[in-house]
Amino acid sequence: MSFAIRVEGASKRYRRVGPGHRLRTVKSALLGRDRVADDGTTIPALDGVDFEVAPGEAFGIVGGNGSGKSTLLKLIAGILKPSAGRVETQGRVAALIELGAGFHPEISGRENIFINGAVLGLARREIAARYDRIVEFAGLADFIDEPVKNYSSGMYVRLGFAVAIHTDPQILLVDEVLAVGDEAFAHKCLRRIEELLAGGRTVVFVSHSLALVEDLCSRVLWLDRGRVRALGEPRYVVDAYRQAVAEEEGREHREAKEARERDEEAPAEAEAPPAPAAAPQEVLRWGSRAAEITGVRLLDGAGAERYHFVSGETVVFEIAARAGSALDDFVFGVALSTPRGVEVWGTNTDLGGLEPERFAGEARARLVCPALRLAPGEYLVDVAVHAEDGAPYDYRRKLVSFSVTAEARGVGLYFPEHRWEIDGGATLAPRRVR
């Protein structure tokens, strides 16, 4: 199988700097004196990371601060070398990793475009041919001859991203720096990323915006203290990460409360979720179980349980759930997909404008679709109950399946009510039944 990026057992360790061991002279640097502590201690930034990214894939990386995300991007970009293992890439790599990286502050934006483009592997004539497009995309025509040191952080990002995407990279690495730009430019960048993906380019995307990662990426890697905590389908990985963050916050709140009350008992340790080196690709259930999905049924307009429908019929998705303790923060959701994993449609009570009040004991939630106009085919149903911030109580994938047929035919997933009307010099007649 071809790959765009292959990371095998990659580790990166930094030698710990001892007190008073700063560089004093060029000679001391060359001789290795007074540079780092000589006791052999190291700081692990990455530890045994393994994964592959396919050509044309949007690959997300999530994790807390200090988890190794930026270090991993620097290894992929070739800025750093791994202490162990290896990192391979195929094709030109463009990286937007650090604000202002590759720019000289004392020279103009125009000169920095040529320098940065050369660093990314373009000849001067290639940069000149793309110069106008770079400036137009960045929106910096009025400031392009100003020294870069006078640019705002947002202008740095505009220029860096504009240069990076106009080098026609096979692999684009994007770190959290997009968060520095204004919303309009962020949308512009995301549209360009979508265009690159449609053209078969590979994008590795690091962001603390979990919703953005979930929407943009086809797979997500969760790094925790330099190790792979989970790798797989975006919704599973993002929800697992959210749950871990929620558990950590809960632990901190409990410890603070116990400290205030001067409780002599040792604080209870928060239960940690399983931490496999790589999560199974087909995880079908996850969540804290503060509320549980106990069953799902599909009903027709008359209330009969069915799992085969004609396109346009009434379909009711009925969720049976249970909350052991009363909840005032809960959302019920339903999502449909094809067996090949194409997301068809999804909604939840929050998107439907319903605010939670109380959920305790047994409950049923029904999503009523008066005319579910899906194209003929097989469909899978995911159901969930979660907190308003997205933290999952119980997420169940592929819990039930159903089929749809229709007398008419079409292409795609949506099957709206329709008819053809022809006039002028063209005539059509109903097809004869054979």
Protein backbone atom coordinates (compact mmCIF):
# COMPACT_ATOMS: atom_id res chain seq x y z
CA MET A 1 0.00 0.00 0.00
CA SER A 2 1.36 3.45 -0.92
CA PHE A 3 1.73 6.04 1.78
CA ALA A 4 2.29 9.77 2.05
CA ILE A 5 3.70 9.63 5.59
CA ARG A 6 5.05 6.64 7.49
CA VAL A 7 6.11 6.91 11.14
CA GLU A 8 7.67 3.80 12.67
CA GLY A 9 8.62 3.66 16.34
CA ALA A 10 9.47 7.36 16.32
CA SER A 11 10.81 8.77 19.58
CA LYS A 12 12.27 12.16 20.35
CA ARG A 13 14.14 12.96 23.54
CA TYR A 14 15.74 16.20 24.61
CA ARG A 15 18.67 16.29 27.00
CA ARG A 16 17.78 18.08 30.19
CA VAL A 17 19.64 21.38 30.69
CA GLY A 18 21.28 21.53 34.09
CA PRO A 19 21.39 24.66 36.24
CA GLY A 20 24.17 27.03 35.24
CA HIS A 21 24.87 25.09 32.03
CA ARG A 22 24.22 27.79 29.45
CA LEU A 23 26.28 28.33 26.30
CA ARG A 24 29.00 30.83 27.07
CA THR A 25 31.19 30.84 23.94
CA VAL A 26 31.27 29.37 20.44
CA LYS A 27 34.21 27.23 21.56
CA SER A 28 32.25 25.78 24.48
CA ALA A 29 29.40 24.97 22.09
CA LEU A 30 31.71 23.16 19.66
CA LEU A 31 33.41 21.26 22.44
CA GLY A 32 30.08 20.40 24.06
CA ARG A 33 31.00 22.04 27.34
CA ASP A 34 28.49 23.83 29.56
CA ARG A 35 25.73 22.98 27.11
CA VAL A 36 23.59 20.32 28.78
CA ALA A 37 23.67 18.32 31.94
CA ASP A 38 26.04 15.38 31.73
CA ASP A 39 24.01 13.04 33.94
CA GLY A 40 22.28 11.39 30.98
CA THR A 41 18.78 12.47 31.94
CA THR A 42 16.40 13.27 29.08
CA ILE A 43 12.96 14.71 28.53
CA PRO A 44 10.77 12.42 26.35
CA ALA A 45 8.74 14.42 23.82
CA LEU A 46 7.62 11.40 21.77
CA ASP A 47 7.83 7.73 22.66
CA GLY A 48 7.35 4.91 20.12
CA VAL A 49 4.83 6.53 17.82
CA ASP A 50 3.57 4.41 14.88
CA PHE A 51 1.11 5.32 12.11
CA GLU A 52 0.72 5.80 8.37
CA VAL A 53 -1.12 8.47 6.43
CA ALA A 54 -2.44 7.60 2.99
CA PRO A 55 -2.14 9.95 0.00
CA GLY A 56 -5.09 12.32 -0.14
CA GLU A 57 -6.01 11.77 3.51
CA ALA A 58 -6.93 14.48 6.01
CA PHE A 59 -5.22 13.33 9.20
CA GLY A 60 -5.87 15.09 12.51
CA ILE A 61 -3.74 15.18 15.65
CA VAL A 62 -5.21 16.14 19.03
CA GLY A 63 -3.90 16.24 22.57
CA GLY A 64 -3.16 18.58 25.41
CA ASN A 65 -0.33 21.09 25.58
CA GLY A 66 3.00 19.29 25.85
CA SER A 67 1.64 16.05 24.39
CA GLY A 68 4.12 16.06 21.47
CA LYS A 69 1.93 17.31 18.62
CA SER A 70 4.27 20.05 17.39
CA THR A 71 7.33 17.85 17.85
CA LEU A 72 5.69 15.20 15.68
CA LEU A 73 4.94 17.75 12.95
CA LYS A 74 8.56 18.91 13.05
CA LEU A 75 9.73 15.33 12.59
CA ILE A 76 7.43 14.92 9.58
CA ALA A 77 8.62 18.25 8.15
CA GLY A 78 12.27 17.24 8.56
CA ILE A 79 12.99 20.13 10.92
CA LEU A 80 13.94 17.62 13.63
CA LYS A 81 15.38 14.12 13.46
CA PRO A 82 13.97 11.33 15.62
CA SER A 83 16.09 10.01 18.49
CA ALA A 84 14.87 6.53 17.56
CA GLY A 85 12.69 5.04 14.84
CA ARG A 86 12.15 6.63 11.47
CA VAL A 87 9.85 9.04 9.65
CA GLU A 88 9.33 8.83 5.88
CA THR A 89 7.44 11.12 3.54
CA GLN A 90 6.71 10.96 -0.17
CA GLY A 91 6.49 14.25 -2.03
CA ARG A 92 7.10 17.90 -1.26
CA VAL A 93 6.22 18.91 2.29
CA ALA A 94 5.04 22.40 3.21
CA ALA A 95 4.70 23.22 6.90
CA LEU A 96 2.93 26.03 8.72
CA ILE A 97 4.03 25.11 12.22
CA GLU A 98 5.27 28.15 14.12
CA LEU A 99 4.20 31.76 13.82
CA GLY A 100 6.71 33.59 11.64
CA ALA A 101 8.92 30.52 11.13
CA GLY A 102 11.18 31.07 8.13
CA PHE A 103 10.63 34.84 8.00
CA HIS A 104 13.35 37.43 8.54
CA PRO A 105 11.86 40.31 10.53
CA GLU A 106 14.11 43.03 9.12
CA ILE A 107 13.24 42.56 5.45
CA SER A 108 10.01 43.09 3.54
CA GLY A 109 7.16 40.69 2.96
CA ARG A 110 8.08 40.65 -0.74
CA GLU A 111 11.63 39.48 -0.02
CA ASN A 112 10.42 36.98 2.55
CA ILE A 113 8.11 35.39 -0.05
CA PHE A 114 11.11 34.61 -2.26
CA ILE A 115 13.24 33.39 0.65
CA ASN A 116 10.49 31.26 2.15
CA GLY A 117 9.55 29.85 -1.25
CA ALA A 118 13.16 28.86 -1.85
CA VAL A 119 13.29 27.12 1.52
CA LEU A 120 10.20 25.15 0.49
CA GLY A 121 11.92 24.02 -2.72
CA LEU A 122 10.80 26.45 -5.42
CA ALA A 123 13.11 28.06 -7.96
CA ARG A 124 13.10 31.86 -8.14
CA ARG A 125 11.25 31.85 -11.47
CA GLU A 126 8.56 29.58 -9.98
CA ILE A 127 8.11 31.96 -7.05
CA ALA A 128 7.93 34.94 -9.42
CA ALA A 129 5.22 33.20 -11.45
CA ARG A 130 3.14 32.65 -8.30
CA TYR A 131 3.97 35.92 -6.54
CA ASP A 132 0.78 37.80 -7.48
CA ARG A 133 -1.42 34.88 -6.39
CA ILE A 134 0.41 34.65 -3.07
CA VAL A 135 -0.04 38.35 -2.32
CA GLU A 136 -3.69 38.28 -3.40
CA PHE A 137 -4.45 35.27 -1.20
CA ALA A 138 -2.68 36.85 1.78
CA GLY A 139 -4.51 40.15 1.25
CA LEU A 140 -1.33 42.11 2.06
CA ALA A 141 -0.81 44.14 -1.11
CA ASP A 142 -0.72 47.41 0.86
CA PHE A 143 1.90 46.08 3.28
CA ILE A 144 4.00 43.75 1.14
CA ASP A 145 7.00 46.12 1.05
CA GLU A 146 6.91 46.78 4.79
CA PRO A 147 9.42 44.99 7.08
CA VAL A 148 7.86 41.84 8.47
CA LYS A 149 8.71 42.95 12.01
CA ASN A 150 5.89 45.50 11.63
CA TYR A 151 3.33 42.79 10.83
CA SER A 152 0.69 41.67 13.29
CA SER A 153 0.46 38.01 14.26
CA GLY A 154 -2.50 37.62 11.90
CA MET A 155 -0.50 39.09 9.01
CA TYR A 156 2.31 36.62 9.75
CA VAL A 157 -0.16 33.77 9.41
CA ARG A 158 -1.66 35.17 6.20
CA LEU A 159 1.74 35.42 4.53
CA GLY A 160 3.02 32.06 5.80
CA PHE A 161 -0.08 30.14 4.74
CA ALA A 162 -0.24 31.87 1.36
CA VAL A 163 3.36 30.90 0.56
CA ALA A 164 2.94 27.33 1.85
CA ILE A 165 -0.15 26.46 -0.19
CA HIS A 166 1.21 27.99 -3.39
CA THR A 167 4.25 25.69 -3.40
CA ASP A 168 1.92 22.90 -4.63
CA PRO A 169 2.84 20.60 -1.75
CA GLN A 170 1.99 16.91 -1.79
CA ILE A 171 1.86 17.11 2.02
CA LEU A 172 0.65 20.16 3.97
CA LEU A 173 1.28 20.35 7.71
CA VAL A 174 -0.87 22.87 9.59
CA ASP A 175 -0.46 23.58 13.29
CA GLU A 176 -2.69 25.64 15.59
CA VAL A 177 -1.36 28.87 14.05
CA LEU A 178 -4.59 29.19 12.04
CA ALA A 179 -6.30 30.15 15.28
CA VAL A 180 -4.33 33.42 15.20
CA GLY A 181 -5.93 34.61 11.95
CA ASP A 182 -9.32 36.29 11.67
CA GLU A 183 -12.42 34.20 11.02
CA ALA A 184 -12.81 35.21 7.37
CA PHE A 185 -9.23 34.23 6.56
CA ALA A 186 -9.59 30.97 8.52
CA HIS A 187 -12.58 30.08 6.34
CA LYS A 188 -10.54 30.96 3.26
CA CYS A 189 -7.73 28.67 4.43
CA LEU A 190 -10.13 25.82 5.12
CA ARG A 191 -11.63 26.15 1.64
CA ARG A 192 -8.12 25.94 0.21
CA ILE A 193 -7.38 22.88 2.33
CA GLU A 194 -10.55 21.23 0.99
CA GLU A 195 -9.36 22.01 -2.56
CA LEU A 196 -5.99 20.43 -1.85
CA LEU A 197 -7.67 17.30 -0.49
CA ALA A 198 -9.95 17.12 -3.53
CA GLY A 199 -6.80 17.27 -5.66
CA GLY A 200 -5.31 14.24 -3.90
CA ARG A 201 -2.98 16.15 -1.57
CA THR A 202 -2.38 15.03 2.01
CA VAL A 203 -3.09 17.31 4.98
CA VAL A 204 -1.98 16.80 8.59
CA PHE A 205 -3.97 19.10 10.82
CA VAL A 206 -3.25 19.94 14.47
CA SER A 207 -5.85 21.93 16.34
CA HIS A 208 -7.48 22.36 19.73
CA SER A 209 -10.77 22.95 17.89
CA LEU A 210 -12.14 19.44 18.23
CA ALA A 211 -15.25 20.15 16.17
CA LEU A 212 -13.07 21.36 13.30
CA VAL A 213 -10.85 18.27 13.50
CA GLU A 214 -13.92 16.02 13.55
CA ASP A 215 -15.43 17.74 10.51
CA LEU A 216 -12.27 18.01 8.42
CA CYS A 217 -10.37 14.79 9.11
CA SER A 218 -10.97 11.19 8.09
CA ARG A 219 -8.77 9.79 10.88
CA VAL A 220 -7.47 11.27 14.13
CA LEU A 221 -4.46 10.51 16.33
CA TRP A 222 -4.62 11.34 20.04
CA LEU A 223 -1.24 11.96 21.65
CA ASP A 224 -0.86 11.90 25.42
CA ARG A 225 2.54 12.63 26.98
CA GLY A 226 4.27 11.65 23.75
CA ARG A 227 2.47 8.33 23.31
CA VAL A 228 -0.37 7.21 21.08
CA ARG A 229 -3.49 7.08 23.21
CA ALA A 230 -5.94 6.38 20.39
CA LEU A 231 -5.96 6.25 16.60
CA GLY A 232 -9.02 5.83 14.41
CA GLU A 233 -12.40 7.20 13.43
CA PRO A 234 -12.69 10.93 14.33
CA ARG A 235 -15.86 10.75 16.40
CA TYR A 236 -14.54 7.93 18.59
CA VAL A 237 -11.12 9.51 19.16
CA VAL A 238 -12.45 13.02 19.80
CA ASP A 239 -15.09 11.72 22.21
CA ALA A 240 -12.51 9.60 24.04
CA TYR A 241 -10.29 12.66 24.37
CA ARG A 242 -13.19 14.79 25.63
CA GLN A 243 -14.07 12.13 28.18
CA ALA A 244 -10.50 11.96 29.46
CA VAL A 245 -10.35 15.75 29.78
CA ALA A 246 -13.67 15.76 31.64
CA GLU A 247 -12.43 13.05 34.00
CA GLU A 248 -9.23 14.99 34.66
CA GLU A 249 -11.19 18.16 35.37
CA GLY A 250 -13.48 16.21 37.66
CA ARG A 251 -10.50 14.84 39.54
CA GLU A 252 -9.04 18.32 39.99
CA HIS A 253 -12.38 19.65 41.30
CA ARG A 254 -12.67 16.78 43.78
CA GLU A 255 -9.12 17.31 45.03
CA ALA A 256 -9.68 21.07 45.44
CA LYS A 257 -12.89 20.43 47.37
CA GLU A 258 -11.21 17.91 49.64
CA ALA A 259 -8.36 20.33 50.28
CA ARG A 260 -10.78 23.09 51.22
CA GLU A 261 -12.60 20.81 53.61
CA ARG A 262 -9.27 19.58 55.02
CA ASP A 263 -10.39 16.04 54.59
CA GLU A 264 -7.87 13.65 56.07
CA GLU A 265 -8.75 10.88 53.64
CA ALA A 266 -6.56 10.51 50.59
CA PRO A 267 -8.25 11.80 47.45
CA ALA A 268 -9.69 9.05 45.32
CA GLU A 269 -7.79 8.49 42.16
CA ALA A 270 -9.72 9.13 39.01
CA GLU A 271 -10.28 6.03 36.98
CA ALA A 272 -8.23 6.24 33.84
CA PRO A 273 -9.73 5.00 30.57
CA PRO A 274 -7.96 2.15 28.79
CA ALA A 275 -4.85 3.38 27.01
CA PRO A 276 -3.96 0.96 24.23
CA ALA A 277 -1.09 1.82 21.94
CA ALA A 278 -3.57 1.95 19.08
CA ALA A 279 -7.34 1.82 19.43
CA PRO A 280 -9.23 -0.79 17.42
CA GLN A 281 -10.48 0.56 14.14
CA GLU A 282 -14.01 -0.65 14.86
CA VAL A 283 -15.02 0.68 18.26
CA LEU A 284 -18.80 0.51 18.50
CA ARG A 285 -19.48 1.92 21.97
CA TRP A 286 -17.92 4.41 24.35
CA GLY A 287 -18.83 6.95 27.03
CA SER A 288 -18.95 7.49 30.78
CA ARG A 289 -22.31 5.66 31.19
CA ALA A 290 -23.78 8.47 33.29
CA ALA A 291 -26.72 7.72 31.01
CA GLU A 292 -27.06 4.59 28.91
CA ILE A 293 -28.69 3.70 25.61
CA THR A 294 -30.63 0.50 26.27
CA GLY A 295 -32.20 0.03 22.85
CA VAL A 296 -33.28 1.51 19.54
CA ARG A 297 -36.29 0.73 17.37
CA LEU A 298 -37.40 1.96 13.96
CA LEU A 299 -41.15 2.52 13.61
CA ASP A 300 -43.37 3.45 10.70
CA GLY A 301 -46.12 6.07 10.74
CA ALA A 302 -48.57 3.60 12.27
CA GLY A 303 -46.21 2.70 15.11
CA ALA A 304 -45.22 -0.73 13.76
CA GLU A 305 -41.60 -1.80 14.15
CA ARG A 306 -39.97 -2.10 10.71
CA TYR A 307 -36.51 -2.08 9.17
CA HIS A 308 -37.43 -1.77 5.50
CA PHE A 309 -38.98 1.38 4.07
CA VAL A 310 -39.95 2.92 0.77
CA SER A 311 -38.26 6.27 0.18
CA GLY A 312 -40.52 9.06 1.42
CA GLU A 313 -42.28 7.06 4.13
CA THR A 314 -42.57 8.22 7.73
CA VAL A 315 -39.77 6.81 9.88
CA VAL A 316 -39.50 7.16 13.66
CA PHE A 317 -36.21 6.52 15.44
CA GLU A 318 -37.05 5.55 19.02
CA ILE A 319 -34.25 5.59 21.62
CA ALA A 320 -34.67 3.85 24.96
CA ALA A 321 -32.31 5.23 27.60
CA ARG A 322 -31.70 5.13 31.33
CA ALA A 323 -30.03 7.54 33.76
CA GLY A 324 -29.00 6.08 37.12
CA SER A 325 -28.78 9.53 38.70
CA ALA A 326 -30.74 12.62 37.76
CA LEU A 327 -29.17 14.69 34.96
CA ASP A 328 -29.95 18.24 33.92
CA ASP A 329 -27.35 18.28 31.11
CA PHE A 330 -28.18 15.81 28.33
CA VAL A 331 -28.67 15.66 24.57
CA PHE A 332 -30.13 12.81 22.49
CA GLY A 333 -28.77 12.33 18.98
CA VAL A 334 -29.21 10.18 15.87
CA ALA A 335 -26.88 9.86 12.87
CA LEU A 336 -27.23 7.85 9.67
CA SER A 337 -24.40 6.52 7.51
CA THR A 338 -23.81 4.02 4.74
CA PRO A 339 -22.00 0.70 5.34
CA ARG A 340 -18.95 2.31 3.69
CA GLY A 341 -18.87 5.03 6.34
CA VAL A 342 -20.34 7.95 4.37
CA GLU A 343 -22.20 10.24 6.75
CA VAL A 344 -25.72 10.81 5.43
CA TRP A 345 -27.48 12.92 8.05
CA GLY A 346 -27.52 13.55 11.75
CA THR A 347 -29.24 15.72 14.31
CA ASN A 348 -29.81 15.99 18.03
CA THR A 349 -32.16 17.60 20.51
CA ASP A 350 -29.83 20.56 20.99
CA LEU A 351 -29.76 21.32 17.26
CA GLY A 352 -33.54 20.91 17.34
CA GLY A 353 -33.81 23.79 19.81
CA LEU A 354 -34.70 21.68 22.87
CA GLU A 355 -33.15 22.50 26.23
CA PRO A 356 -32.62 19.75 28.80
CA GLU A 357 -34.45 19.98 32.11
CA ARG A 358 -34.37 16.62 33.91
CA PHE A 359 -33.53 13.02 33.01
CA ALA A 360 -33.81 10.32 35.64
CA GLY A 361 -34.65 6.63 35.36
CA GLU A 362 -36.11 5.21 32.15
CA ALA A 363 -36.89 7.45 29.18
CA ARG A 364 -37.70 7.27 25.48
CA ALA A 365 -36.75 9.83 22.86
CA ARG A 366 -38.29 9.72 19.40
CA LEU A 367 -37.00 11.42 16.27
CA VAL A 368 -39.90 11.61 13.84
CA CYS A 369 -39.16 12.01 10.13
CA PRO A 370 -42.50 12.54 8.31
CA ALA A 371 -40.92 11.80 4.91
CA LEU A 372 -37.43 10.28 5.00
CA ARG A 373 -36.35 10.66 1.40
CA LEU A 374 -33.24 8.52 1.19
CA ALA A 375 -31.98 6.89 -1.98
CA PRO A 376 -32.36 3.10 -2.25
CA GLY A 377 -29.73 1.26 -0.26
CA GLU A 378 -28.63 0.06 3.17
CA TYR A 379 -28.16 2.45 6.09
CA LEU A 380 -26.70 2.21 9.59
CA VAL A 381 -27.92 4.08 12.66
CA ASP A 382 -25.73 5.63 15.37
CA VAL A 383 -27.40 6.90 18.53
CA ALA A 384 -26.02 8.85 21.45
CA VAL A 385 -26.78 10.61 24.68
CA HIS A 386 -24.17 13.16 25.70
CA ALA A 387 -23.60 16.41 27.55
CA GLU A 388 -24.21 19.74 25.86
CA ASP A 389 -20.44 20.26 25.50
CA GLY A 390 -20.19 16.97 23.58
CA ALA A 391 -18.78 14.78 26.39
CA PRO A 392 -20.31 11.33 25.69
CA TYR A 393 -22.44 9.47 28.23
CA ASP A 394 -23.14 6.63 25.80
CA TYR A 395 -22.30 6.62 22.08
CA ARG A 396 -23.34 3.53 20.13
CA ARG A 397 -22.38 3.08 16.49
CA LYS A 398 -24.08 0.82 13.95
CA LEU A 399 -26.64 -0.20 16.53
CA VAL A 400 -29.29 -1.05 13.92
CA SER A 401 -29.51 -1.10 10.14
CA PHE A 402 -32.36 -0.64 7.71
CA SER A 403 -32.95 -0.69 3.96
CA VAL A 404 -34.72 1.69 1.60
CA THR A 405 -36.23 0.99 -1.81
CA ALA A 406 -37.91 3.23 -4.38
CA GLU A 407 -39.71 2.75 -7.64
CA ALA A 408 -37.68 5.47 -9.31
CA ARG A 409 -33.91 5.44 -9.59
CA GLY A 410 -31.22 8.04 -8.96
CA VAL A 411 -27.62 8.64 -7.97
CA GLY A 412 -26.45 9.71 -4.51
CA LEU A 413 -27.98 9.47 -1.04
CA TYR A 414 -30.71 12.09 -0.99
CA PHE A 415 -33.90 11.26 -2.90
CA PRO A 416 -36.16 14.35 -2.98
CA GLU A 417 -39.65 14.31 -4.39
CA HIS A 418 -39.29 15.38 -8.02
CA ARG A 419 -40.60 15.25 -11.58
CA TRP A 420 -39.35 16.14 -15.05
CA GLU A 421 -41.03 18.76 -17.24
CA ILE A 422 -39.98 19.01 -20.89
CA ASP A 423 -41.16 21.52 -23.47
CA GLY A 424 -39.95 23.07 -26.68
CA GLY A 425 -38.38 20.88 -29.33
CA ALA A 426 -37.82 17.81 -27.12
CA THR A 427 -40.43 15.19 -26.30
CA LEU A 428 -40.27 12.22 -23.95
CA ALA A 429 -42.76 9.44 -23.30
CA PRO A 430 -43.16 7.10 -20.30
CA ARG A 431 -41.04 3.99 -20.57
CA ARG A 432 -43.00 0.94 -21.63
CA VAL A 433 -43.20 -1.89 -19.14
CA ARG A 434 -41.39 -4.91 -20.59
